Amino acid sequence: MKITFNDAAFAELRTSAGANALVRGKAEKIAAAANNSPPTTDTPLEEPYYEVHEAGDENRARYRIATTTRRASRHEAKTFALQQALSSDG
């Protein structure tokens, strides 16, 4: 039996509105879980520590989660909140 892959169909699937919504929803869930981490200083941060950015291209839907400020980066270095949210699947 010979299997032929349809690369155009795979590309269409990976960039479809449904795939985009699924990936964005997962990224937002993980970022929300990481943002629920308690602050490491006496004054809590006024804005979220992490935010979701679109990073897709013509080949696939993709999002990244990044810290918002230098203080948020230090928070991640101390708490590993984003890593924990990723490993617990949001």
C-alpha atoms as a PDB file:
ATOM      1  CA  MET A   1       0.000   0.000   0.000  1.00  0.00           C
ATOM      2  CA  LYS A   2       1.307   3.423  -0.952  1.00  0.00           C
ATOM      3  CA  ILE A   3       0.392   6.482   1.112  1.00  0.00           C
ATOM      4  CA  THR A   4       0.542   9.898  -0.470  1.00  0.00           C
ATOM      5  CA  PHE A   5       0.546  12.981   1.724  1.00  0.00           C
ATOM      6  CA  ASN A   6      -1.202  16.117   0.579  1.00  0.00           C
ATOM      7  CA  ASP A   7       1.126  18.864   1.803  1.00  0.00           C
ATOM      8  CA  ALA A   8      -1.284  21.635   0.796  1.00  0.00           C
ATOM      9  CA  ALA A   9      -4.070  20.063   2.857  1.00  0.00           C
ATOM     10  CA  PHE A  10      -1.771  19.726   5.903  1.00  0.00           C
ATOM     11  CA  ALA A  11      -0.738  23.373   5.561  1.00  0.00           C
ATOM     12  CA  GLU A  12      -4.391  24.403   5.324  1.00  0.00           C
ATOM     13  CA  LEU A  13      -5.216  22.401   8.450  1.00  0.00           C
ATOM     14  CA  ARG A  14      -2.313  23.832  10.446  1.00  0.00           C
ATOM     15  CA  THR A  15      -3.287  27.404   9.590  1.00  0.00           C
ATOM     16  CA  SER A  16      -7.080  27.041   9.784  1.00  0.00           C
ATOM     17  CA  ALA A  17      -9.223  29.175  12.073  1.00  0.00           C
ATOM     18  CA  GLY A  18      -9.980  26.107  14.186  1.00  0.00           C
ATOM     19  CA  ALA A  19      -6.305  25.251  14.684  1.00  0.00           C
ATOM     20  CA  ASN A  20      -5.526  28.880  15.444  1.00  0.00           C
ATOM     21  CA  ALA A  21      -8.305  29.063  18.061  1.00  0.00           C
ATOM     22  CA  LEU A  22      -7.213  25.779  19.641  1.00  0.00           C
ATOM     23  CA  VAL A  23      -3.568  26.808  19.950  1.00  0.00           C
ATOM     24  CA  ARG A  24      -4.395  30.332  21.171  1.00  0.00           C
ATOM     25  CA  GLY A  25      -6.832  28.967  23.746  1.00  0.00           C
ATOM     26  CA  LYS A  26      -4.183  26.593  25.079  1.00  0.00           C
ATOM     27  CA  ALA A  27      -1.590  29.397  25.276  1.00  0.00           C
ATOM     28  CA  GLU A  28      -4.021  31.703  27.088  1.00  0.00           C
ATOM     29  CA  LYS A  29      -4.892  28.956  29.567  1.00  0.00           C
ATOM     30  CA  ILE A  30      -1.213  28.354  30.341  1.00  0.00           C
ATOM     31  CA  ALA A  31      -0.489  32.099  30.669  1.00  0.00           C
ATOM     32  CA  ALA A  32      -3.479  32.515  33.012  1.00  0.00           C
ATOM     33  CA  ALA A  33      -2.230  29.679  35.222  1.00  0.00           C
ATOM     34  CA  ALA A  34       1.252  31.237  35.335  1.00  0.00           C
ATOM     35  CA  ASN A  35      -0.223  34.659  36.138  1.00  0.00           C
ATOM     36  CA  ASN A  36      -1.964  33.162  39.174  1.00  0.00           C
ATOM     37  CA  SER A  37       1.404  32.639  40.825  1.00  0.00           C
ATOM     38  CA  PRO A  38       1.786  34.695  44.017  1.00  0.00           C
ATOM     39  CA  PRO A  39       4.121  37.711  43.877  1.00  0.00           C
ATOM     40  CA  THR A  40       7.654  37.403  45.229  1.00  0.00           C
ATOM     41  CA  THR A  41       7.711  40.957  46.617  1.00  0.00           C
ATOM     42  CA  ASP A  42       5.542  42.941  49.014  1.00  0.00           C
ATOM     43  CA  THR A  43       3.979  44.957  46.198  1.00  0.00           C
ATOM     44  CA  PRO A  44       2.158  42.844  43.623  1.00  0.00           C
ATOM     45  CA  LEU A  45       2.605  43.663  39.966  1.00  0.00           C
ATOM     46  CA  GLU A  46      -0.236  45.792  38.564  1.00  0.00           C
ATOM     47  CA  GLU A  47      -0.179  44.032  35.183  1.00  0.00           C
ATOM     48  CA  PRO A  48       0.084  40.350  34.277  1.00  0.00           C
ATOM     49  CA  TYR A  49       3.492  38.706  34.486  1.00  0.00           C
ATOM     50  CA  TYR A  50       2.944  36.808  31.241  1.00  0.00           C
ATOM     51  CA  GLU A  51       1.175  37.554  27.971  1.00  0.00           C
ATOM     52  CA  VAL A  52       0.421  35.646  24.785  1.00  0.00           C
ATOM     53  CA  HIS A  53       1.897  36.753  21.444  1.00  0.00           C
ATOM     54  CA  GLU A  54       1.056  35.410  18.016  1.00  0.00           C
ATOM     55  CA  ALA A  55       4.115  33.780  16.442  1.00  0.00           C
ATOM     56  CA  GLY A  56       2.560  31.846  13.575  1.00  0.00           C
ATOM     57  CA  ASP A  57       3.601  31.911   9.969  1.00  0.00           C
ATOM     58  CA  GLU A  58       2.187  30.642   6.695  1.00  0.00           C
ATOM     59  CA  ASN A  59       2.907  27.039   7.797  1.00  0.00           C
ATOM     60  CA  ARG A  60       1.191  26.777  11.175  1.00  0.00           C
ATOM     61  CA  ALA A  61      -0.672  28.474  13.975  1.00  0.00           C
ATOM     62  CA  ARG A  62       1.734  29.258  16.788  1.00  0.00           C
ATOM     63  CA  TYR A  63       1.699  31.391  19.930  1.00  0.00           C
ATOM     64  CA  ARG A  64       4.355  32.169  22.494  1.00  0.00           C
ATOM     65  CA  ILE A  65       4.054  33.188  26.109  1.00  0.00           C
ATOM     66  CA  ALA A  66       6.490  35.824  27.318  1.00  0.00           C
ATOM     67  CA  THR A  67       7.133  37.837  30.431  1.00  0.00           C
ATOM     68  CA  THR A  68       5.876  41.410  30.280  1.00  0.00           C
ATOM     69  CA  THR A  69       8.605  43.253  32.200  1.00  0.00           C
ATOM     70  CA  ARG A  70      12.055  42.803  33.698  1.00  0.00           C
ATOM     71  CA  ARG A  71      10.374  42.343  37.078  1.00  0.00           C
ATOM     72  CA  ALA A  72       8.232  39.586  35.574  1.00  0.00           C
ATOM     73  CA  SER A  73      11.393  37.912  34.251  1.00  0.00           C
ATOM     74  CA  ARG A  74      12.877  37.952  37.749  1.00  0.00           C
ATOM     75  CA  HIS A  75       9.600  36.529  39.063  1.00  0.00           C
ATOM     76  CA  GLU A  76       9.867  33.643  36.593  1.00  0.00           C
ATOM     77  CA  ALA A  77      13.491  33.034  37.614  1.00  0.00           C
ATOM     78  CA  LYS A  78      12.400  32.688  41.254  1.00  0.00           C
ATOM     79  CA  THR A  79       9.076  30.870  40.918  1.00  0.00           C
ATOM     80  CA  PHE A  80       9.265  28.924  37.621  1.00  0.00           C
ATOM     81  CA  ALA A  81       5.551  29.751  37.310  1.00  0.00           C
ATOM     82  CA  LEU A  82       5.453  29.444  33.533  1.00  0.00           C
ATOM     83  CA  GLN A  83       7.393  26.191  33.557  1.00  0.00           C
ATOM     84  CA  GLN A  84       5.042  24.791  36.176  1.00  0.00           C
ATOM     85  CA  ALA A  85       1.991  25.906  34.209  1.00  0.00           C
ATOM     86  CA  LEU A  86       3.399  24.219  31.100  1.00  0.00           C
ATOM     87  CA  SER A  87       4.111  20.974  32.907  1.00  0.00           C
ATOM     88  CA  SER A  88       0.671  20.945  34.548  1.00  0.00           C
ATOM     89  CA  ASP A  89      -0.900  21.719  31.156  1.00  0.00           C
ATOM     90  CA  GLY A  90      -2.345  25.034  32.266  1.00  0.00           C
END
